[in-house]
Amino acid sequence: MRNLQNKGLSRRELVGTATAVAAFMFVPRHVLGAAGQSSANNKLNIAGIGVGGRGASDIEGVASENIVALCDADLNRASGTIKKHPNAKVYRDFREMLDKEHKNIDAVVIGAPDHIHAPAAIMAMKMGKHVYVEKPMAHTIHEARRMTQVAKETGVVTQMGNQGHAGDGLRLYWEYIHAGAIGTVKEVHVWTDRAGTPERAWWPQGIDRPKGSVPVPENLDWDLWLGPARWRPYAKFPNGRGGEATYCPFNWRGWWDFGCGAIGDMAVHNADPAFFALDLGAPTAVEAQTSPVNDETLPVWNIITFEFPAKGDRPAVKMVWYDGAKLPPRPADLDEGLKLGDNGILFVGTKASLLGGSHAGTPRIIPEAKRKEIGRPPKTLPRSPGHHQEWIDACKAGKPEAAKSGFWYAGPFVEALHVGNLAVRLQRRVEWDAVKMRSPNCPEADNYITKFYRNGWNFV
């Protein structure tokens, strides 16, 4: 394979990489007065970390720029992206790539599993690199807080991959609500069909760690894929549909060590209109109803109630999250023949309700009579040139706030969602103090606010 680099680092190289990151910080080119001059052809030089699956789509989203390096622990999964960019150097270990390529890149796109996001993003940001990272931006509350802090300290441009945040639908939610079209909102319901049912399971949850092991696929470096997580054997387990699955490439999402379950996968999309339009911020308390729990995987289904305090002119708001194909009660004002759908959000207002589907898609007023009466709200928010494009433009201009799902926005959003998973894991009401990043009534929550990192992987 062309330009294939050494797949691992020696102990000496590992120490050298960590020392290099800690000893100095590279200054983004825009800070040096070269905004829009990242390369001779006025394009960003971009490296990718985790470039198969969703990561492949993200690399495609920035393919207008120069793709100079690609990294993935699974070369088979990444092969399509590698073939599309034959001039890019190929690595297995992102630490090695950043150490060797930092002088050649301006920005990093991270599409690896959730547990890799923070170590890769923070290492890159401390080198002065702009960062795009898939959703959810962090695996824990502490990671989200640190990523937000490091982005602010370094002044780099960041973006989380909740693509609907750039769409007209998200802006329409805000415009309807701020025009007073549905009155005062005191309650929001958000749902997804994931992780699914036995008939339609997206990935398995509610299972314990499998016993034994199976051979690791030839093109997968399992130790690198585990990264900061505790080592475990590669294994097979029930896939939730009567068959079997392995952790890679997709079934990691329901395991606590690697993913954040459905709330990490879909609440960043489906709950985005609520956080954006209502400026929810941090919850003060969260409670959860779930199917049986264990220490390895998330429950098969969850119903999580978030309590948000009043802010400005907005009263307190209750937001209820449903996953595993659970749904909110059918609204009384939903017209006959209409369904809630597998994914969506419902704002319950004093005048009418506002209903939408997944990924902050176009909302509609219900009931239909009210929709016709109210019509469309005035267009008061600027529109986006596109989710990836606004990040590219912001990088070239050196304006972090121009990337609208930058860590300044996404960090507090993801923190709030992770408090929901605290209630799931602890199986009790969790009161939350966001300033102290602690639960006053559940000191045991400290065990899940941060996590264990293997040696050589803790850049957080």
Protein backbone atom coordinates (compact mmCIF):
# COMPACT_ATOMS: atom_id res chain seq x y z
CA MET A 1 0.00 0.00 0.00
CA ARG A 2 1.41 3.38 -0.99
CA ASN A 3 2.99 5.49 1.75
CA LEU A 4 1.97 3.06 4.47
CA GLN A 5 3.69 4.15 7.68
CA ASN A 6 4.84 2.00 10.60
CA LYS A 7 1.65 0.85 12.33
CA GLY A 8 2.90 1.32 15.90
CA LEU A 9 5.16 3.41 18.12
CA SER A 10 7.96 2.17 20.30
CA ARG A 11 7.98 3.09 23.98
CA ARG A 12 10.65 5.69 23.25
CA GLU A 13 8.55 7.18 20.44
CA LEU A 14 5.47 7.24 22.69
CA VAL A 15 7.35 9.18 25.34
CA GLY A 16 8.75 11.49 22.69
CA THR A 17 5.30 12.17 21.25
CA ALA A 18 3.77 13.00 24.63
CA THR A 19 6.75 15.21 25.50
CA ALA A 20 6.50 17.06 22.20
CA VAL A 21 2.83 17.80 22.76
CA ALA A 22 3.37 19.00 26.31
CA ALA A 23 6.51 21.03 25.63
CA PHE A 24 5.21 23.45 23.04
CA MET A 25 2.18 24.54 21.10
CA PHE A 26 2.13 25.29 17.41
CA VAL A 27 0.47 28.54 16.45
CA PRO A 28 -2.36 28.36 13.88
CA ARG A 29 -1.38 29.99 10.62
CA HIS A 30 -4.21 32.50 10.79
CA VAL A 31 -2.73 33.86 14.03
CA LEU A 32 0.46 34.62 12.10
CA GLY A 33 -1.50 36.91 9.81
CA ALA A 34 -1.92 34.46 6.93
CA ALA A 35 -5.70 34.02 7.02
CA GLY A 36 -6.83 32.34 3.83
CA GLN A 37 -3.24 31.41 2.96
CA SER A 38 -3.01 27.95 4.49
CA SER A 39 -1.36 26.61 1.35
CA ALA A 40 -0.19 27.86 -2.01
CA ASN A 41 -3.60 27.14 -3.56
CA ASN A 42 -5.51 28.80 -0.67
CA LYS A 43 -6.72 25.47 0.63
CA LEU A 44 -6.49 23.90 4.07
CA ASN A 45 -4.13 20.98 4.51
CA ILE A 46 -6.25 18.39 6.33
CA ALA A 47 -5.52 15.10 8.08
CA GLY A 48 -8.21 12.51 8.86
CA ILE A 49 -8.43 10.27 11.93
CA GLY A 50 -10.91 7.42 11.55
CA VAL A 51 -11.77 7.69 7.86
CA GLY A 52 -14.09 4.75 7.24
CA GLY A 53 -17.87 4.79 7.74
CA ARG A 54 -19.04 8.16 9.03
CA GLY A 55 -15.47 9.41 8.87
CA ALA A 56 -15.42 8.71 5.13
CA SER A 57 -18.42 11.03 4.69
CA ASP A 58 -16.66 13.74 6.67
CA ILE A 59 -13.54 13.50 4.51
CA GLU A 60 -15.82 13.71 1.47
CA GLY A 61 -17.35 16.84 3.03
CA VAL A 62 -13.97 18.58 3.12
CA ALA A 63 -12.59 17.11 -0.13
CA SER A 64 -12.46 20.59 -1.68
CA GLU A 65 -9.34 21.10 0.46
CA ASN A 66 -6.00 19.27 0.43
CA ILE A 67 -6.23 15.83 2.11
CA VAL A 68 -2.61 15.20 3.04
CA ALA A 69 -2.71 12.40 5.64
CA LEU A 70 -5.16 9.66 6.65
CA CYS A 71 -5.19 7.49 9.76
CA ASP A 72 -7.26 4.45 10.70
CA ALA A 73 -6.71 1.36 12.83
CA ASP A 74 -8.87 -0.61 10.36
CA LEU A 75 -7.32 -0.36 6.88
CA ASN A 76 -10.08 -2.43 5.30
CA ARG A 77 -12.77 -0.07 6.59
CA ALA A 78 -10.70 2.92 5.45
CA SER A 79 -9.76 1.53 2.04
CA GLY A 80 -12.37 3.48 0.07
CA THR A 81 -11.17 6.81 1.44
CA ILE A 82 -7.51 5.87 0.95
CA LYS A 83 -8.16 5.02 -2.71
CA LYS A 84 -9.87 8.38 -3.29
CA HIS A 85 -6.83 10.24 -1.94
CA PRO A 86 -3.80 8.35 -3.27
CA ASN A 87 -1.38 11.17 -2.46
CA ALA A 88 -2.25 11.22 1.24
CA LYS A 89 0.18 9.54 3.62
CA VAL A 90 -1.40 6.65 5.50
CA TYR A 91 -0.99 5.91 9.21
CA ARG A 92 -2.48 3.50 11.75
CA ASP A 93 -1.78 5.54 14.93
CA PHE A 94 -3.00 9.15 15.14
CA ARG A 95 -0.30 10.01 17.68
CA GLU A 96 2.40 9.07 15.19
CA MET A 97 0.62 10.94 12.39
CA LEU A 98 0.29 14.16 14.37
CA ASP A 99 3.87 13.90 15.60
CA LYS A 100 5.24 13.47 12.06
CA GLU A 101 2.81 15.61 10.06
CA HIS A 102 2.11 18.59 12.35
CA LYS A 103 4.16 20.94 10.15
CA ASN A 104 2.23 19.85 7.06
CA ILE A 105 -1.36 20.19 8.28
CA ASP A 106 -3.70 22.99 9.31
CA ALA A 107 -6.69 20.96 10.48
CA VAL A 108 -7.84 17.52 11.56
CA VAL A 109 -11.13 15.70 10.87
CA ILE A 110 -11.95 12.99 13.44
CA GLY A 111 -14.46 10.26 12.58
CA ALA A 112 -13.20 7.55 14.94
CA PRO A 113 -15.42 5.96 17.65
CA ASP A 114 -16.48 8.08 20.63
CA HIS A 115 -13.72 6.97 23.02
CA ILE A 116 -11.03 8.32 20.64
CA HIS A 117 -12.54 11.78 20.14
CA ALA A 118 -11.09 13.67 23.10
CA PRO A 119 -7.54 12.27 23.07
CA ALA A 120 -7.19 12.93 19.33
CA ALA A 121 -8.90 16.33 19.36
CA ILE A 122 -7.01 17.66 22.37
CA MET A 123 -3.63 16.50 21.04
CA ALA A 124 -4.38 18.24 17.72
CA MET A 125 -5.70 21.44 19.31
CA LYS A 126 -2.63 21.73 21.54
CA MET A 127 -0.61 21.65 18.33
CA GLY A 128 -2.67 24.58 17.06
CA LYS A 129 -4.75 22.57 14.59
CA HIS A 130 -8.37 23.30 13.78
CA VAL A 131 -10.57 20.32 14.64
CA TYR A 132 -13.75 18.79 13.25
CA VAL A 133 -14.97 15.85 15.34
CA GLU A 134 -17.95 13.56 14.83
CA LYS A 135 -20.79 13.44 17.32
CA PRO A 136 -20.94 13.16 20.22
CA MET A 137 -17.83 15.30 20.53
CA ALA A 138 -16.82 13.58 23.80
CA HIS A 139 -17.18 10.27 25.60
CA THR A 140 -17.58 11.78 29.11
CA ILE A 141 -18.63 15.01 30.79
CA HIS A 142 -15.04 15.80 31.76
CA GLU A 143 -13.85 15.30 28.19
CA ALA A 144 -16.47 17.69 26.84
CA ARG A 145 -15.43 20.31 29.41
CA ARG A 146 -11.71 19.92 28.63
CA MET A 147 -12.24 20.00 24.86
CA THR A 148 -14.21 23.23 25.23
CA GLN A 149 -11.50 24.73 27.45
CA VAL A 150 -8.63 23.75 25.16
CA ALA A 151 -10.44 25.11 22.10
CA LYS A 152 -10.83 28.46 23.85
CA GLU A 153 -7.24 28.49 25.10
CA THR A 154 -5.73 27.72 21.70
CA GLY A 155 -8.11 29.83 19.61
CA VAL A 156 -8.57 27.10 16.99
CA VAL A 157 -11.79 26.61 15.03
CA THR A 158 -13.85 23.57 16.01
CA GLN A 159 -17.01 21.84 14.86
CA MET A 160 -19.03 18.85 16.09
CA GLY A 161 -20.63 16.64 13.45
CA ASN A 162 -24.32 17.24 14.04
CA GLN A 163 -24.96 18.12 10.42
CA GLY A 164 -28.53 19.36 10.90
CA HIS A 165 -27.19 22.30 12.90
CA ALA A 166 -26.38 23.96 9.58
CA GLY A 167 -29.84 23.38 8.09
CA ASP A 168 -32.77 25.72 7.56
CA GLY A 169 -34.92 23.47 9.77
CA LEU A 170 -32.97 24.35 12.90
CA ARG A 171 -33.36 28.04 12.18
CA LEU A 172 -37.07 27.61 11.55
CA TYR A 173 -37.53 26.12 15.04
CA TRP A 174 -35.86 29.19 16.52
CA GLU A 175 -37.87 31.58 14.34
CA TYR A 176 -41.23 29.96 15.15
CA ILE A 177 -40.54 29.94 18.88
CA HIS A 178 -39.05 33.44 19.09
CA ALA A 179 -41.90 34.85 17.01
CA GLY A 180 -44.28 33.54 19.68
CA ALA A 181 -46.03 31.25 17.18
CA ILE A 182 -46.64 28.43 19.66
CA GLY A 183 -46.72 30.49 22.84
CA THR A 184 -44.68 29.62 25.92
CA VAL A 185 -42.80 26.31 25.80
CA LYS A 186 -42.64 24.40 29.06
CA GLU A 187 -42.22 20.86 27.78
CA VAL A 188 -40.22 19.13 25.01
CA HIS A 189 -40.22 15.47 23.96
CA VAL A 190 -37.38 13.96 21.88
CA TRP A 191 -37.10 10.37 20.65
CA THR A 192 -35.26 7.88 18.47
CA ASP A 193 -35.77 4.28 17.37
CA ARG A 194 -32.13 3.45 18.22
CA ALA A 195 -30.75 1.17 19.61
CA GLY A 196 -33.90 -0.56 18.38
CA THR A 197 -35.99 -3.65 18.95
CA PRO A 198 -35.26 -7.36 18.30
CA GLU A 199 -36.97 -6.94 14.94
CA ARG A 200 -34.89 -3.88 14.02
CA ALA A 201 -31.81 -3.54 16.23
CA TRP A 202 -29.25 -0.97 15.10
CA TRP A 203 -26.68 -2.39 17.53
CA PRO A 204 -26.85 -4.60 20.66
CA GLN A 205 -27.43 -3.23 24.16
CA GLY A 206 -28.48 -4.78 27.45
CA ILE A 207 -25.89 -7.59 27.20
CA ASP A 208 -22.89 -8.53 29.33
CA ARG A 209 -19.28 -8.88 28.21
CA PRO A 210 -18.79 -11.97 26.06
CA LYS A 211 -16.53 -14.81 27.14
CA GLY A 212 -13.68 -16.09 25.04
CA SER A 213 -12.30 -14.49 21.90
CA VAL A 214 -12.20 -14.75 18.11
CA PRO A 215 -9.36 -13.91 15.71
CA VAL A 216 -8.86 -10.22 15.00
CA PRO A 217 -9.49 -9.35 11.33
CA GLU A 218 -6.24 -9.11 9.38
CA ASN A 219 -6.54 -5.41 8.54
CA LEU A 220 -7.53 -4.29 12.06
CA ASP A 221 -4.99 -3.24 14.68
CA TRP A 222 -7.12 -4.09 17.72
CA ASP A 223 -4.76 -2.57 20.28
CA LEU A 224 -4.75 0.77 18.44
CA TRP A 225 -8.53 0.62 17.99
CA LEU A 226 -8.94 0.20 21.77
CA GLY A 227 -6.70 3.21 22.26
CA PRO A 228 -7.36 4.72 25.72
CA ALA A 229 -9.81 1.97 26.74
CA ARG A 230 -8.85 -0.99 28.91
CA TRP A 231 -7.65 -3.94 26.89
CA ARG A 232 -10.18 -6.72 26.21
CA PRO A 233 -10.13 -9.64 23.76
CA TYR A 234 -11.79 -9.31 20.40
CA ALA A 235 -15.00 -11.31 20.66
CA LYS A 236 -18.43 -12.14 19.27
CA PHE A 237 -21.72 -11.44 21.04
CA PRO A 238 -25.47 -11.43 20.24
CA ASN A 239 -26.34 -8.71 17.73
CA GLY A 240 -29.89 -8.16 19.06
CA ARG A 241 -31.47 -9.70 15.97
CA GLY A 242 -30.83 -13.37 16.62
CA GLY A 243 -27.36 -13.42 15.09
CA GLU A 244 -23.83 -12.50 16.18
CA ALA A 245 -21.70 -9.37 15.97
CA THR A 246 -18.20 -8.13 16.77
CA TYR A 247 -17.17 -4.73 18.18
CA CYS A 248 -16.00 -3.43 14.80
CA PRO A 249 -16.93 -1.73 12.66
CA PHE A 250 -20.28 -0.57 14.11
CA ASN A 251 -21.43 -2.52 17.14
CA TRP A 252 -19.20 -0.68 19.65
CA ARG A 253 -21.75 2.10 20.18
CA GLY A 254 -23.75 0.39 22.93
CA TRP A 255 -20.67 -0.52 25.05
CA TRP A 256 -19.90 1.94 27.85
CA ASP A 257 -16.14 1.67 27.24
CA PHE A 258 -16.47 2.87 23.64
CA GLY A 259 -19.78 4.63 22.99
CA CYS A 260 -22.60 6.64 24.53
CA GLY A 261 -25.60 4.71 23.25
CA ALA A 262 -28.55 6.22 21.46
CA ILE A 263 -28.40 9.51 23.35
CA GLY A 264 -24.86 10.04 22.06
CA ASP A 265 -25.76 8.92 18.57
CA MET A 266 -29.08 10.70 18.03
CA ALA A 267 -29.86 13.25 20.77
CA VAL A 268 -27.11 15.46 19.35
CA HIS A 269 -29.29 15.59 16.22
CA ASN A 270 -32.86 15.31 17.45
CA ALA A 271 -32.56 17.42 20.63
CA ASP A 272 -30.48 20.13 18.94
CA PRO A 273 -33.52 22.35 18.18
CA ALA A 274 -34.41 22.43 21.89
CA PHE A 275 -30.92 23.40 23.05
CA PHE A 276 -30.58 25.95 20.27
CA ALA A 277 -34.03 27.57 20.31
CA LEU A 278 -34.54 27.53 24.09
CA ASP A 279 -30.91 28.06 25.16
CA LEU A 280 -31.34 25.23 27.65
CA GLY A 281 -27.83 25.10 29.06
CA ALA A 282 -27.20 22.63 31.89
CA PRO A 283 -29.95 20.66 33.65
CA THR A 284 -30.42 20.96 37.40
CA ALA A 285 -31.66 17.38 37.76
CA VAL A 286 -32.17 14.25 35.67
CA GLU A 287 -34.12 11.02 36.24
CA ALA A 288 -34.25 7.84 34.16
CA GLN A 289 -36.57 4.88 33.61
CA THR A 290 -34.80 2.02 31.83
CA SER A 291 -34.80 -1.65 31.01
CA PRO A 292 -32.41 -3.76 33.16
CA VAL A 293 -28.89 -2.35 33.48
CA ASN A 294 -25.38 -3.81 33.65
CA ASP A 295 -21.84 -2.41 33.78
CA GLU A 296 -20.93 -3.26 30.20
CA THR A 297 -23.65 -1.96 27.88
CA LEU A 298 -26.43 0.59 27.96
CA PRO A 299 -29.98 -0.62 28.60
CA VAL A 300 -32.13 -1.72 25.68
CA TRP A 301 -34.34 1.33 26.21
CA ASN A 302 -34.33 4.55 28.24
CA ILE A 303 -36.76 7.31 29.12
CA ILE A 304 -34.77 10.20 30.60
CA THR A 305 -36.34 13.34 32.07
CA PHE A 306 -34.19 16.49 32.17
CA GLU A 307 -35.14 19.50 34.30
CA PHE A 308 -33.83 22.84 33.04
CA PRO A 309 -34.12 26.02 35.12
CA ALA A 310 -35.72 29.27 33.97
CA LYS A 311 -33.40 31.54 32.00
CA GLY A 312 -34.12 35.15 31.09
CA ASP A 313 -37.74 35.43 29.98
CA ARG A 314 -38.03 31.68 29.49
CA PRO A 315 -39.66 29.62 32.27
CA ALA A 316 -38.30 26.29 33.47
CA VAL A 317 -38.47 23.52 30.87
CA LYS A 318 -38.84 19.75 31.13
CA MET A 319 -37.30 17.72 28.31
CA VAL A 320 -38.00 13.97 28.04
CA TRP A 321 -35.75 11.73 25.94
CA TYR A 322 -36.99 8.33 24.64
CA ASP A 323 -34.87 5.68 22.93
CA GLY A 324 -35.03 1.97 22.11
CA ALA A 325 -38.22 2.60 20.09
CA LYS A 326 -40.06 4.14 23.05
CA LEU A 327 -42.31 7.06 22.10
CA PRO A 328 -44.00 9.92 23.93
CA PRO A 329 -47.78 9.86 24.31
CA ARG A 330 -49.51 10.80 21.06
CA PRO A 331 -50.28 14.55 21.19
CA ALA A 332 -53.96 15.37 21.39
CA ASP A 333 -53.50 18.03 18.70
CA LEU A 334 -51.78 15.71 16.19
CA ASP A 335 -54.09 15.44 13.19
CA GLU A 336 -55.58 12.06 12.32
CA GLY A 337 -53.42 10.14 9.87
CA LEU A 338 -50.16 11.75 11.00
CA LYS A 339 -47.58 9.76 12.93
CA LEU A 340 -44.79 10.84 15.26
CA GLY A 341 -42.24 8.88 13.24
CA ASP A 342 -39.24 6.86 14.39
CA ASN A 343 -37.17 9.96 15.23
CA GLY A 344 -38.30 13.41 16.18
CA ILE A 345 -38.91 16.29 18.55
CA LEU A 346 -42.10 17.88 19.88
CA PHE A 347 -42.32 21.31 21.49
CA VAL A 348 -45.51 21.68 23.52
CA GLY A 349 -46.55 25.33 23.64
CA THR A 350 -49.44 27.19 25.23
CA LYS A 351 -50.85 28.13 21.78
CA ALA A 352 -49.84 25.18 19.59
CA SER A 353 -47.22 22.46 19.23
CA LEU A 354 -44.21 22.24 16.95
CA LEU A 355 -43.31 18.82 15.52
CA GLY A 356 -40.25 17.74 13.56
CA GLY A 357 -38.26 14.70 12.53
CA SER A 358 -34.63 13.72 12.92
CA HIS A 359 -31.52 15.85 12.39
CA ALA A 360 -33.34 19.13 13.03
CA GLY A 361 -35.37 18.75 9.85
CA THR A 362 -38.14 21.14 8.81
CA PRO A 363 -40.75 21.49 11.59
CA ARG A 364 -44.51 21.89 11.28
CA ILE A 365 -47.11 23.49 13.51
CA ILE A 366 -49.80 21.14 14.76
CA PRO A 367 -52.75 20.97 14.54
CA GLU A 368 -53.12 21.66 10.81
CA ALA A 369 -55.68 24.42 11.40
CA LYS A 370 -53.15 26.30 13.52
CA ARG A 371 -50.44 25.79 10.91
CA LYS A 372 -52.57 27.45 8.25
CA GLU A 373 -53.52 30.24 10.62
CA ILE A 374 -49.96 31.00 11.75
CA GLY A 375 -48.06 30.53 8.49
CA ARG A 376 -44.27 30.73 8.28
CA PRO A 377 -42.37 32.95 10.69
CA PRO A 378 -40.21 35.86 9.45
CA LYS A 379 -36.72 34.79 8.39
CA THR A 380 -34.59 36.46 11.04
CA LEU A 381 -31.50 34.19 11.30
CA PRO A 382 -28.74 34.00 8.68
CA ARG A 383 -28.49 30.72 6.79
CA SER A 384 -25.43 28.46 6.61
CA PRO A 385 -23.34 27.70 3.51
CA GLY A 386 -23.29 24.08 4.72
CA HIS A 387 -22.06 22.21 7.77
CA HIS A 388 -18.57 21.34 6.54
CA GLN A 389 -18.21 24.49 4.44
CA GLU A 390 -18.89 26.84 7.35
CA TRP A 391 -16.13 25.07 9.31
CA ILE A 392 -13.72 25.41 6.36
CA ASP A 393 -14.60 29.09 5.95
CA ALA A 394 -14.21 29.71 9.68
CA CYS A 395 -10.79 28.00 9.69
CA LYS A 396 -9.55 30.19 6.84
CA ALA A 397 -10.91 33.33 8.48
CA GLY A 398 -9.66 32.38 11.94
CA LYS A 399 -13.12 32.92 13.46
CA PRO A 400 -14.11 30.13 15.91
CA GLU A 401 -17.60 31.59 16.44
CA ALA A 402 -18.36 31.30 12.71
CA ALA A 403 -18.51 27.49 13.02
CA LYS A 404 -21.97 27.28 14.58
CA SER A 405 -21.56 23.87 16.17
CA GLY A 406 -18.11 24.73 17.52
CA PHE A 407 -17.12 23.40 20.91
CA TRP A 408 -18.28 26.68 22.47
CA TYR A 409 -21.82 25.46 21.62
CA ALA A 410 -21.43 21.69 21.37
CA GLY A 411 -19.46 21.28 24.61
CA PRO A 412 -22.21 22.41 27.03
CA PHE A 413 -24.81 20.62 24.89
CA VAL A 414 -22.99 17.27 25.06
CA GLU A 415 -22.24 17.73 28.77
CA ALA A 416 -25.97 18.07 29.44
CA LEU A 417 -26.76 14.90 27.48
CA HIS A 418 -24.11 12.97 29.40
CA VAL A 419 -25.78 13.93 32.68
CA GLY A 420 -28.70 11.89 31.35
CA ASN A 421 -26.43 8.86 31.08
CA LEU A 422 -25.35 9.42 34.69
CA ALA A 423 -28.95 8.89 35.75
CA VAL A 424 -29.08 5.74 33.61
CA ARG A 425 -25.94 4.26 35.16
CA LEU A 426 -26.81 5.22 38.75
CA GLN A 427 -30.52 4.35 38.49
CA ARG A 428 -31.53 7.29 40.64
CA ARG A 429 -32.39 10.97 40.42
CA VAL A 430 -29.20 12.94 39.80
CA GLU A 431 -29.06 16.56 40.90
CA TRP A 432 -26.46 18.47 38.90
CA ASP A 433 -24.11 21.38 39.64
CA ALA A 434 -22.60 22.26 36.27
CA VAL A 435 -20.21 24.87 37.67
CA LYS A 436 -18.55 22.32 39.99
CA MET A 437 -19.17 19.49 37.49
CA ARG A 438 -20.51 17.31 40.28
CA SER A 439 -23.74 15.82 41.60
CA PRO A 440 -24.52 17.14 45.11
CA ASN A 441 -26.69 14.13 45.96
CA CYS A 442 -24.76 11.40 44.10
CA PRO A 443 -21.03 11.52 44.91
CA GLU A 444 -20.73 8.13 43.22
CA ALA A 445 -21.37 9.95 39.92
CA ASP A 446 -17.70 11.01 40.08
CA ASN A 447 -16.84 7.51 38.88
CA TYR A 448 -18.48 8.25 35.52
CA ILE A 449 -17.82 11.97 35.01
CA THR A 450 -14.33 11.03 33.87
CA LYS A 451 -12.78 7.67 33.04
CA PHE A 452 -9.67 5.49 32.98
CA TYR A 453 -7.03 6.04 30.27
CA ARG A 454 -4.28 3.61 29.36
CA ASN A 455 -0.68 4.85 29.47
CA GLY A 456 0.26 6.81 26.36
CA TRP A 457 -3.34 7.83 25.58
CA ASN A 458 -4.31 10.43 28.16
CA PHE A 459 -3.99 13.83 26.48
CA VAL A 460 -7.13 15.04 28.27
